[in-house]
Amino acid sequence: MLNIYTSREIIRKQVPAWAFHIFNWTFISFIQSVLLFLIAAPVYVVLLTTQFEPDFSGADMAYVLFELGLIGIEIIADQQQWGKKHRGSGCESRNRAC
């Protein structure tokens, strides 16, 4: 029979728990802070540009539509990943959260 390992099982076998905690505290936490900064940075730019051009232009509308499109794609991708993860896992039949 073919053994199929999940990425979690592979990581647990290869990386000790204490090493993953250090990695989590340093790298992952730092990257989350950088990503949150990058998400918030365009708002500051918009605040500065409204002092020079307070009107809503076509470029502003294009940017808003682009961002909303990215959010929509992310929602669809997350739903597909969720469905693939739980398809056939029996979560629905056990009547519990998985």
N, C-alpha and C. Protein backbone atom coordinates (compact mmCIF):
# COMPACT_ATOMS: atom_id res chain seq x y z
N MET A 1 0.84 -1.18 0.00
CA MET A 1 0.00 0.00 0.00
C MET A 1 0.89 1.25 0.00
N LEU A 2 0.49 2.22 -0.74
CA LEU A 2 1.25 3.46 -0.88
C LEU A 2 0.96 4.38 0.30
N ASN A 3 2.03 4.82 0.98
CA ASN A 3 1.87 5.75 2.09
C ASN A 3 1.88 7.17 1.55
N ILE A 4 0.85 7.91 1.89
CA ILE A 4 0.76 9.31 1.48
C ILE A 4 0.91 10.15 2.74
N TYR A 5 1.96 10.95 2.77
CA TYR A 5 2.23 11.80 3.92
C TYR A 5 1.77 13.21 3.64
N THR A 6 1.23 13.85 4.64
CA THR A 6 0.91 15.26 4.51
C THR A 6 2.15 16.07 4.83
N SER A 7 2.12 17.33 4.44
CA SER A 7 3.28 18.18 4.70
C SER A 7 3.52 18.33 6.20
N ARG A 8 2.46 18.31 6.99
CA ARG A 8 2.60 18.43 8.44
C ARG A 8 3.37 17.24 9.01
N GLU A 9 3.06 16.04 8.53
CA GLU A 9 3.76 14.85 9.02
C GLU A 9 5.22 14.87 8.62
N ILE A 10 5.50 15.31 7.41
CA ILE A 10 6.89 15.38 6.94
C ILE A 10 7.67 16.38 7.78
N ILE A 11 7.08 17.53 8.05
CA ILE A 11 7.76 18.55 8.84
C ILE A 11 7.98 18.06 10.26
N ARG A 12 7.00 17.40 10.84
CA ARG A 12 7.15 16.90 12.22
C ARG A 12 8.26 15.87 12.32
N LYS A 13 8.46 15.08 11.28
CA LYS A 13 9.52 14.08 11.32
C LYS A 13 10.89 14.71 11.12
N GLN A 14 11.00 15.79 10.36
CA GLN A 14 12.28 16.37 10.00
C GLN A 14 12.73 17.49 10.93
N VAL A 15 11.81 18.25 11.48
CA VAL A 15 12.16 19.43 12.27
C VAL A 15 11.70 19.23 13.71
N PRO A 16 12.62 19.39 14.68
CA PRO A 16 12.19 19.28 16.09
C PRO A 16 11.24 20.43 16.45
N ALA A 17 10.39 20.19 17.43
CA ALA A 17 9.38 21.18 17.81
C ALA A 17 10.00 22.49 18.27
N TRP A 18 11.09 22.43 19.04
CA TRP A 18 11.70 23.67 19.53
C TRP A 18 12.24 24.51 18.37
N ALA A 19 12.75 23.85 17.33
CA ALA A 19 13.29 24.59 16.18
C ALA A 19 12.17 25.28 15.41
N PHE A 20 11.03 24.61 15.31
CA PHE A 20 9.91 25.24 14.61
C PHE A 20 9.39 26.43 15.40
N HIS A 21 9.38 26.35 16.73
CA HIS A 21 8.93 27.48 17.54
C HIS A 21 9.86 28.69 17.35
N ILE A 22 11.15 28.45 17.31
CA ILE A 22 12.09 29.56 17.07
C ILE A 22 11.87 30.15 15.68
N PHE A 23 11.68 29.29 14.68
CA PHE A 23 11.39 29.74 13.32
C PHE A 23 10.11 30.56 13.30
N ASN A 24 9.10 30.11 14.01
CA ASN A 24 7.82 30.81 14.06
C ASN A 24 7.99 32.19 14.69
N TRP A 25 8.68 32.27 15.81
CA TRP A 25 8.84 33.53 16.51
C TRP A 25 9.67 34.53 15.72
N THR A 26 10.66 34.06 15.01
CA THR A 26 11.55 34.99 14.31
C THR A 26 11.07 35.29 12.90
N PHE A 27 11.03 34.30 12.05
CA PHE A 27 10.76 34.53 10.64
C PHE A 27 9.29 34.82 10.36
N ILE A 28 8.41 33.93 10.79
CA ILE A 28 6.99 34.08 10.45
C ILE A 28 6.42 35.35 11.07
N SER A 29 6.71 35.61 12.33
CA SER A 29 6.19 36.81 12.99
C SER A 29 6.72 38.07 12.34
N PHE A 30 7.98 38.06 11.94
CA PHE A 30 8.56 39.22 11.27
C PHE A 30 7.90 39.45 9.92
N ILE A 31 7.73 38.39 9.15
CA ILE A 31 7.12 38.52 7.82
C ILE A 31 5.68 39.00 7.93
N GLN A 32 4.94 38.55 8.95
CA GLN A 32 3.58 39.03 9.12
C GLN A 32 3.56 40.54 9.37
N SER A 33 4.48 41.03 10.14
CA SER A 33 4.55 42.47 10.39
C SER A 33 4.87 43.23 9.11
N VAL A 34 5.78 42.71 8.32
CA VAL A 34 6.12 43.36 7.05
C VAL A 34 4.91 43.35 6.11
N LEU A 35 4.20 42.24 6.03
CA LEU A 35 3.03 42.17 5.16
C LEU A 35 1.93 43.13 5.61
N LEU A 36 1.70 43.24 6.91
CA LEU A 36 0.71 44.19 7.40
C LEU A 36 1.11 45.62 7.08
N PHE A 37 2.40 45.92 7.19
CA PHE A 37 2.88 47.25 6.81
C PHE A 37 2.64 47.51 5.34
N LEU A 38 2.93 46.52 4.49
CA LEU A 38 2.75 46.69 3.05
C LEU A 38 1.28 46.83 2.68
N ILE A 39 0.40 46.20 3.44
CA ILE A 39 -1.03 46.37 3.19
C ILE A 39 -1.47 47.78 3.55
N ALA A 40 -0.93 48.32 4.64
CA ALA A 40 -1.36 49.63 5.11
C ALA A 40 -0.64 50.78 4.40
N ALA A 41 0.50 50.54 3.79
CA ALA A 41 1.28 51.61 3.17
C ALA A 41 0.53 52.38 2.08
N PRO A 42 -0.24 51.74 1.21
CA PRO A 42 -0.96 52.52 0.18
C PRO A 42 -1.97 53.50 0.77
N VAL A 43 -2.49 53.23 1.95
CA VAL A 43 -3.44 54.15 2.56
C VAL A 43 -2.76 55.47 2.89
N TYR A 44 -1.53 55.40 3.34
CA TYR A 44 -0.79 56.63 3.65
C TYR A 44 -0.51 57.43 2.37
N VAL A 45 -0.19 56.74 1.31
CA VAL A 45 0.04 57.41 0.03
C VAL A 45 -1.24 58.09 -0.45
N VAL A 46 -2.37 57.42 -0.31
CA VAL A 46 -3.65 58.01 -0.71
C VAL A 46 -3.94 59.23 0.15
N LEU A 47 -3.64 59.16 1.43
CA LEU A 47 -3.85 60.31 2.31
C LEU A 47 -3.02 61.50 1.85
N LEU A 48 -1.77 61.26 1.48
CA LEU A 48 -0.92 62.36 1.02
C LEU A 48 -1.38 62.91 -0.32
N THR A 49 -1.82 62.06 -1.23
CA THR A 49 -2.22 62.55 -2.55
C THR A 49 -3.55 63.28 -2.52
N THR A 50 -4.40 63.03 -1.54
CA THR A 50 -5.67 63.75 -1.48
C THR A 50 -5.47 65.22 -1.16
N GLN A 51 -4.32 65.57 -0.62
CA GLN A 51 -4.05 66.99 -0.37
C GLN A 51 -3.78 67.74 -1.67
N PHE A 52 -3.25 67.03 -2.69
CA PHE A 52 -2.94 67.67 -3.96
C PHE A 52 -4.07 67.51 -4.98
N GLU A 53 -4.72 66.38 -4.98
CA GLU A 53 -5.79 66.10 -5.94
C GLU A 53 -6.95 65.44 -5.19
N PRO A 54 -7.85 66.24 -4.64
CA PRO A 54 -8.92 65.67 -3.81
C PRO A 54 -10.01 64.95 -4.60
N ASP A 55 -10.06 65.12 -5.91
CA ASP A 55 -11.10 64.48 -6.71
C ASP A 55 -10.79 63.01 -6.96
N PHE A 56 -11.85 62.25 -7.13
CA PHE A 56 -11.74 60.81 -7.41
C PHE A 56 -11.58 60.65 -8.92
N SER A 57 -10.44 60.12 -9.37
CA SER A 57 -10.16 60.02 -10.80
C SER A 57 -10.37 58.60 -11.32
N GLY A 58 -10.20 58.44 -12.61
CA GLY A 58 -10.31 57.12 -13.23
C GLY A 58 -9.23 56.17 -12.75
N ALA A 59 -8.03 56.69 -12.49
CA ALA A 59 -6.95 55.86 -11.97
C ALA A 59 -7.29 55.34 -10.58
N ASP A 60 -7.95 56.16 -9.78
CA ASP A 60 -8.37 55.72 -8.45
C ASP A 60 -9.39 54.59 -8.56
N MET A 61 -10.33 54.75 -9.49
CA MET A 61 -11.33 53.71 -9.69
C MET A 61 -10.70 52.42 -10.20
N ALA A 62 -9.72 52.54 -11.11
CA ALA A 62 -9.03 51.35 -11.61
C ALA A 62 -8.30 50.63 -10.48
N TYR A 63 -7.67 51.39 -9.60
CA TYR A 63 -6.96 50.79 -8.47
C TYR A 63 -7.93 50.08 -7.53
N VAL A 64 -9.06 50.70 -7.24
CA VAL A 64 -10.05 50.09 -6.36
C VAL A 64 -10.58 48.79 -6.98
N LEU A 65 -10.88 48.81 -8.27
CA LEU A 65 -11.37 47.61 -8.94
C LEU A 65 -10.32 46.52 -8.97
N PHE A 66 -9.06 46.90 -9.16
CA PHE A 66 -7.97 45.94 -9.14
C PHE A 66 -7.86 45.27 -7.78
N GLU A 67 -7.90 46.05 -6.72
CA GLU A 67 -7.82 45.50 -5.36
C GLU A 67 -9.02 44.61 -5.04
N LEU A 68 -10.20 45.02 -5.45
CA LEU A 68 -11.39 44.20 -5.22
C LEU A 68 -11.31 42.90 -6.01
N GLY A 69 -10.74 42.96 -7.20
CA GLY A 69 -10.53 41.74 -7.99
C GLY A 69 -9.57 40.78 -7.29
N LEU A 70 -8.49 41.32 -6.73
CA LEU A 70 -7.56 40.47 -5.98
C LEU A 70 -8.22 39.83 -4.77
N ILE A 71 -9.05 40.59 -4.09
CA ILE A 71 -9.76 40.05 -2.93
C ILE A 71 -10.73 38.95 -3.37
N GLY A 72 -11.41 39.17 -4.49
CA GLY A 72 -12.32 38.16 -5.02
C GLY A 72 -11.60 36.88 -5.40
N ILE A 73 -10.45 37.02 -6.05
CA ILE A 73 -9.65 35.84 -6.42
C ILE A 73 -9.20 35.10 -5.16
N GLU A 74 -8.81 35.83 -4.13
CA GLU A 74 -8.39 35.21 -2.88
C GLU A 74 -9.53 34.45 -2.22
N ILE A 75 -10.73 35.02 -2.25
CA ILE A 75 -11.89 34.34 -1.66
C ILE A 75 -12.18 33.04 -2.41
N ILE A 76 -12.14 33.09 -3.74
CA ILE A 76 -12.40 31.89 -4.53
C ILE A 76 -11.32 30.84 -4.27
N ALA A 77 -10.06 31.25 -4.24
CA ALA A 77 -8.97 30.30 -4.01
C ALA A 77 -9.06 29.68 -2.63
N ASP A 78 -9.39 30.46 -1.62
CA ASP A 78 -9.53 29.92 -0.27
C ASP A 78 -10.67 28.91 -0.21
N GLN A 79 -11.78 29.22 -0.88
CA GLN A 79 -12.91 28.30 -0.86
C GLN A 79 -12.56 26.99 -1.58
N GLN A 80 -11.83 27.09 -2.68
CA GLN A 80 -11.41 25.88 -3.39
C GLN A 80 -10.47 25.04 -2.54
N GLN A 81 -9.55 25.69 -1.86
CA GLN A 81 -8.62 24.96 -1.00
C GLN A 81 -9.36 24.31 0.16
N TRP A 82 -10.30 25.02 0.75
CA TRP A 82 -11.09 24.48 1.85
C TRP A 82 -11.88 23.27 1.37
N GLY A 83 -12.51 23.39 0.22
CA GLY A 83 -13.29 22.28 -0.31
C GLY A 83 -12.43 21.07 -0.63
N LYS A 84 -11.25 21.30 -1.19
CA LYS A 84 -10.36 20.18 -1.51
C LYS A 84 -9.87 19.50 -0.24
N LYS A 85 -9.59 20.28 0.79
CA LYS A 85 -9.09 19.72 2.04
C LYS A 85 -10.13 18.84 2.71
N HIS A 86 -11.38 19.27 2.67
CA HIS A 86 -12.43 18.57 3.41
C HIS A 86 -13.26 17.63 2.54
N ARG A 87 -12.98 17.57 1.25
CA ARG A 87 -13.71 16.66 0.38
C ARG A 87 -13.30 15.22 0.70
N GLY A 88 -14.24 14.43 1.06
CA GLY A 88 -13.95 13.02 1.32
C GLY A 88 -13.32 12.75 2.68
N SER A 89 -13.20 13.75 3.54
CA SER A 89 -12.58 13.52 4.84
C SER A 89 -13.58 13.00 5.86
N GLY A 90 -14.86 13.03 5.52
CA GLY A 90 -15.88 12.52 6.43
C GLY A 90 -16.27 13.50 7.50
N CYS A 91 -15.90 14.75 7.37
CA CYS A 91 -16.24 15.75 8.39
C CYS A 91 -17.75 15.91 8.51
N GLU A 92 -18.43 15.92 7.38
CA GLU A 92 -19.87 16.13 7.39
C GLU A 92 -20.58 14.95 8.05
N SER A 93 -20.09 13.74 7.80
CA SER A 93 -20.77 12.58 8.33
C SER A 93 -20.56 12.42 9.83
N ARG A 94 -19.48 12.96 10.35
CA ARG A 94 -19.22 12.83 11.79
C ARG A 94 -19.92 13.92 12.58
N ASN A 95 -20.45 14.91 11.88
CA ASN A 95 -21.19 16.00 12.50
C ASN A 95 -20.35 16.74 13.55
N ARG A 96 -19.14 17.10 13.14
CA ARG A 96 -18.27 17.85 14.04
C ARG A 96 -17.37 18.74 13.21
N ALA A 97 -16.75 19.70 13.87
CA ALA A 97 -15.83 20.60 13.18
C ALA A 97 -14.52 19.86 12.90
N CYS A 98 -13.96 20.10 11.73
CA CYS A 98 -12.70 19.43 11.36
C CYS A 98 -11.56 20.41 11.30
